């Protein structure tokens, strides 16, 4: 490998590792400062437990975790919006309020949709369990 190609390869690896580091810092910030992010993690644990107990199929796993991933993504974007707005102004501003409220609404809507999706997946298993018990 030529020296120039090796430097370029090392630079690509270093850039990738930095991006991973920054991503982990963002996740760490959300876990420490956003209570709703903790709730998503708890929901993930509950879904894993219920998924194992009810032996859900592959597509149900994908859909359940996909919905949780979407909530996480929307929450991260909402946190970024809030931080950006706070950086620009600490004073009350109608546009800042709209930005923050819309980000919060996006998180809320995604949370409701993910809850509905997971209820659609898991309620039939609970009904089947209830019928077997009684």
C-alpha atoms as a PDB file:
ATOM      1  CA  UNK A   1       0.000   0.000   0.000  1.00  0.00           C
ATOM      2  CA  UNK A   2       1.349   3.388  -0.933  1.00  0.00           C
ATOM      3  CA  UNK A   3       1.971   5.934   1.800  1.00  0.00           C
ATOM      4  CA  UNK A   4      -0.699   8.329   0.501  1.00  0.00           C
ATOM      5  CA  UNK A   5      -3.321   5.544   0.368  1.00  0.00           C
ATOM      6  CA  UNK A   6      -2.396   4.402   3.888  1.00  0.00           C
ATOM      7  CA  UNK A   7      -2.778   7.940   5.266  1.00  0.00           C
ATOM      8  CA  UNK A   8      -6.160   8.239   3.557  1.00  0.00           C
ATOM      9  CA  UNK A   9      -7.236   4.881   4.996  1.00  0.00           C
ATOM     10  CA  UNK A  10      -6.090   5.891   8.493  1.00  0.00           C
ATOM     11  CA  UNK A  11      -7.928   9.201   8.129  1.00  0.00           C
ATOM     12  CA  UNK A  12     -11.161   7.411   7.133  1.00  0.00           C
ATOM     13  CA  UNK A  13     -10.900   5.097  10.130  1.00  0.00           C
ATOM     14  CA  UNK A  14     -10.177   8.023  12.452  1.00  0.00           C
ATOM     15  CA  UNK A  15     -13.165   9.972  11.064  1.00  0.00           C
ATOM     16  CA  UNK A  16     -15.420   6.953  11.501  1.00  0.00           C
ATOM     17  CA  UNK A  17     -14.277   6.426  15.093  1.00  0.00           C
ATOM     18  CA  UNK A  18     -14.823  10.112  15.864  1.00  0.00           C
ATOM     19  CA  UNK A  19     -18.343   9.932  14.464  1.00  0.00           C
ATOM     20  CA  UNK A  20     -19.031   6.889  16.643  1.00  0.00           C
ATOM     21  CA  UNK A  21     -17.658   8.748  19.673  1.00  0.00           C
ATOM     22  CA  UNK A  22     -19.861  11.785  18.996  1.00  0.00           C
ATOM     23  CA  UNK A  23     -22.904   9.568  18.504  1.00  0.00           C
ATOM     24  CA  UNK A  24     -22.262   7.871  21.831  1.00  0.00           C
ATOM     25  CA  UNK A  25     -21.904  11.279  23.489  1.00  0.00           C
ATOM     26  CA  UNK A  26     -25.305  12.278  22.085  1.00  0.00           C
ATOM     27  CA  UNK A  27     -26.913   9.073  23.341  1.00  0.00           C
ATOM     28  CA  UNK A  28     -25.259   9.517  26.727  1.00  0.00           C
ATOM     29  CA  UNK A  29     -26.583  13.073  26.970  1.00  0.00           C
ATOM     30  CA  UNK A  30     -30.123  11.916  26.182  1.00  0.00           C
ATOM     31  CA  UNK A  31     -29.982   9.103  28.734  1.00  0.00           C
ATOM     32  CA  UNK A  32     -28.757  11.516  31.402  1.00  0.00           C
ATOM     33  CA  UNK A  33     -31.051  14.440  30.593  1.00  0.00           C
ATOM     34  CA  UNK A  34     -34.183  13.204  28.825  1.00  0.00           C
ATOM     35  CA  UNK A  35     -36.538  11.146  30.972  1.00  0.00           C
ATOM     36  CA  UNK A  36     -38.532  10.077  27.926  1.00  0.00           C
ATOM     37  CA  UNK A  37     -35.385   8.463  26.515  1.00  0.00           C
ATOM     38  CA  UNK A  38     -35.148   6.342  29.676  1.00  0.00           C
ATOM     39  CA  UNK A  39     -38.782   5.313  29.164  1.00  0.00           C
ATOM     40  CA  UNK A  40     -37.971   4.146  25.631  1.00  0.00           C
ATOM     41  CA  UNK A  41     -35.131   2.030  27.022  1.00  0.00           C
ATOM     42  CA  UNK A  42     -37.474   0.550  29.639  1.00  0.00           C
ATOM     43  CA  UNK A  43     -40.025  -0.194  26.913  1.00  0.00           C
ATOM     44  CA  UNK A  44     -37.273  -1.916  24.951  1.00  0.00           C
ATOM     45  CA  UNK A  45     -36.541  -4.167  27.937  1.00  0.00           C
ATOM     46  CA  UNK A  46     -40.243  -4.950  28.375  1.00  0.00           C
ATOM     47  CA  UNK A  47     -40.563  -5.779  24.677  1.00  0.00           C
ATOM     48  CA  UNK A  48     -37.559  -8.110  24.872  1.00  0.00           C
ATOM     49  CA  UNK A  49     -39.032  -9.903  27.898  1.00  0.00           C
ATOM     50  CA  UNK A  50     -42.514 -10.203  26.351  1.00  0.00           C
ATOM     51  CA  UNK A  51     -41.054 -11.188  22.992  1.00  0.00           C
ATOM     52  CA  UNK A  52     -39.111 -14.049  24.582  1.00  0.00           C
ATOM     53  CA  UNK A  53     -42.061 -15.144  26.743  1.00  0.00           C
ATOM     54  CA  UNK A  54     -44.513 -15.153  23.832  1.00  0.00           C
ATOM     55  CA  UNK A  55     -41.952 -16.327  21.269  1.00  0.00           C
ATOM     56  CA  UNK A  56     -42.913 -13.637  18.769  1.00  0.00           C
ATOM     57  CA  UNK A  57     -41.867 -14.150  15.173  1.00  0.00           C
ATOM     58  CA  UNK A  58     -39.099 -12.325  13.321  1.00  0.00           C
ATOM     59  CA  UNK A  59     -41.376  -9.772  11.662  1.00  0.00           C
ATOM     60  CA  UNK A  60     -42.926  -8.875  15.024  1.00  0.00           C
ATOM     61  CA  UNK A  61     -39.430  -8.337  16.465  1.00  0.00           C
ATOM     62  CA  UNK A  62     -38.533  -6.083  13.538  1.00  0.00           C
ATOM     63  CA  UNK A  63     -41.732  -4.064  13.846  1.00  0.00           C
ATOM     64  CA  UNK A  64     -41.460  -3.704  17.640  1.00  0.00           C
ATOM     65  CA  UNK A  65     -37.855  -2.599  17.594  1.00  0.00           C
ATOM     66  CA  UNK A  66     -38.420  -0.481  14.505  1.00  0.00           C
ATOM     67  CA  UNK A  67     -41.078   1.476  16.359  1.00  0.00           C
ATOM     68  CA  UNK A  68     -38.750   1.942  19.338  1.00  0.00           C
ATOM     69  CA  UNK A  69     -35.937   3.019  17.029  1.00  0.00           C
ATOM     70  CA  UNK A  70     -38.218   5.624  15.465  1.00  0.00           C
ATOM     71  CA  UNK A  71     -39.161   7.007  18.885  1.00  0.00           C
ATOM     72  CA  UNK A  72     -35.468   7.205  19.782  1.00  0.00           C
ATOM     73  CA  UNK A  73     -34.625   8.987  16.534  1.00  0.00           C
ATOM     74  CA  UNK A  74     -37.444  11.511  16.946  1.00  0.00           C
ATOM     75  CA  UNK A  75     -36.435  12.119  20.579  1.00  0.00           C
ATOM     76  CA  UNK A  76     -32.812  12.719  19.559  1.00  0.00           C
ATOM     77  CA  UNK A  77     -33.912  15.183  16.875  1.00  0.00           C
ATOM     78  CA  UNK A  78     -36.248  16.893  19.359  1.00  0.00           C
ATOM     79  CA  UNK A  79     -33.389  17.235  21.845  1.00  0.00           C
ATOM     80  CA  UNK A  80     -31.187  18.723  19.119  1.00  0.00           C
ATOM     81  CA  UNK A  81     -33.928  21.220  18.214  1.00  0.00           C
ATOM     82  CA  UNK A  82     -34.376  22.234  21.851  1.00  0.00           C
ATOM     83  CA  UNK A  83     -30.628  22.664  22.377  1.00  0.00           C
ATOM     84  CA  UNK A  84     -30.316  24.730  19.213  1.00  0.00           C
ATOM     85  CA  UNK A  85     -33.224  26.969  20.167  1.00  0.00           C
ATOM     86  CA  UNK A  86     -31.787  27.436  23.671  1.00  0.00           C
ATOM     87  CA  UNK A  87     -28.413  28.303  22.170  1.00  0.00           C
ATOM     88  CA  UNK A  88     -29.963  30.984  19.959  1.00  0.00           C
ATOM     89  CA  UNK A  89     -32.158  32.594  22.599  1.00  0.00           C
ATOM     90  CA  UNK A  90     -33.004  32.237  26.255  1.00  0.00           C
ATOM     91  CA  UNK A  91     -35.698  34.893  25.975  1.00  0.00           C
ATOM     92  CA  UNK A  92     -39.295  34.054  25.190  1.00  0.00           C
ATOM     93  CA  UNK A  93     -39.787  33.983  21.448  1.00  0.00           C
ATOM     94  CA  UNK A  94     -42.930  32.756  19.690  1.00  0.00           C
ATOM     95  CA  UNK A  95     -40.876  31.012  16.978  1.00  0.00           C
ATOM     96  CA  UNK A  96     -38.727  29.276  19.587  1.00  0.00           C
ATOM     97  CA  UNK A  97     -41.905  28.087  21.302  1.00  0.00           C
ATOM     98  CA  UNK A  98     -43.278  26.768  18.005  1.00  0.00           C
ATOM     99  CA  UNK A  99     -40.016  24.906  17.278  1.00  0.00           C
ATOM    100  CA  UNK A 100     -39.935  23.309  20.720  1.00  0.00           C
ATOM    101  CA  UNK A 101     -43.649  22.494  20.766  1.00  0.00           C
ATOM    102  CA  UNK A 102     -43.536  20.908  17.314  1.00  0.00           C
ATOM    103  CA  UNK A 103     -40.509  18.803  18.280  1.00  0.00           C
ATOM    104  CA  UNK A 104     -42.320  17.683  21.398  1.00  0.00           C
ATOM    105  CA  UNK A 105     -45.458  16.918  19.397  1.00  0.00           C
ATOM    106  CA  UNK A 106     -43.443  14.771  16.984  1.00  0.00           C
ATOM    107  CA  UNK A 107     -42.099  12.758  19.911  1.00  0.00           C
ATOM    108  CA  UNK A 108     -45.573  12.426  21.411  1.00  0.00           C
ATOM    109  CA  UNK A 109     -47.172  11.286  18.172  1.00  0.00           C
ATOM    110  CA  UNK A 110     -44.428   8.744  17.543  1.00  0.00           C
ATOM    111  CA  UNK A 111     -44.784   7.431  21.096  1.00  0.00           C
ATOM    112  CA  UNK A 112     -48.537   6.950  20.671  1.00  0.00           C
ATOM    113  CA  UNK A 113     -48.045   5.217  17.321  1.00  0.00           C
ATOM    114  CA  UNK A 114     -45.350   2.915  18.724  1.00  0.00           C
ATOM    115  CA  UNK A 115     -47.591   2.053  21.668  1.00  0.00           C
ATOM    116  CA  UNK A 116     -50.446   1.178  19.294  1.00  0.00           C
ATOM    117  CA  UNK A 117     -48.139  -0.927  17.117  1.00  0.00           C
ATOM    118  CA  UNK A 118     -46.840  -2.866  20.114  1.00  0.00           C
ATOM    119  CA  UNK A 119     -50.344  -3.331  21.515  1.00  0.00           C
ATOM    120  CA  UNK A 120     -51.415  -4.768  18.154  1.00  0.00           C
ATOM    121  CA  UNK A 121     -48.519  -7.214  18.400  1.00  0.00           C
ATOM    122  CA  UNK A 122     -48.803  -8.229  22.061  1.00  0.00           C
ATOM    123  CA  UNK A 123     -52.507  -8.025  22.972  1.00  0.00           C
ATOM    124  CA  UNK A 124     -53.408 -11.171  20.965  1.00  0.00           C
ATOM    125  CA  UNK A 125     -50.746 -13.087  22.906  1.00  0.00           C
ATOM    126  CA  UNK A 126     -52.211 -11.882  26.211  1.00  0.00           C
ATOM    127  CA  UNK A 127     -55.718 -12.825  25.050  1.00  0.00           C
ATOM    128  CA  UNK A 128     -54.493 -16.291  24.052  1.00  0.00           C
ATOM    129  CA  UNK A 129     -52.766 -16.670  27.437  1.00  0.00           C
ATOM    130  CA  UNK A 130     -55.917 -15.517  29.242  1.00  0.00           C
ATOM    131  CA  UNK A 131     -58.056 -18.033  27.304  1.00  0.00           C
ATOM    132  CA  UNK A 132     -55.631 -20.870  28.140  1.00  0.00           C
ATOM    133  CA  UNK A 133     -55.606 -19.987  31.846  1.00  0.00           C
ATOM    134  CA  UNK A 134     -59.385 -19.720  32.139  1.00  0.00           C
END
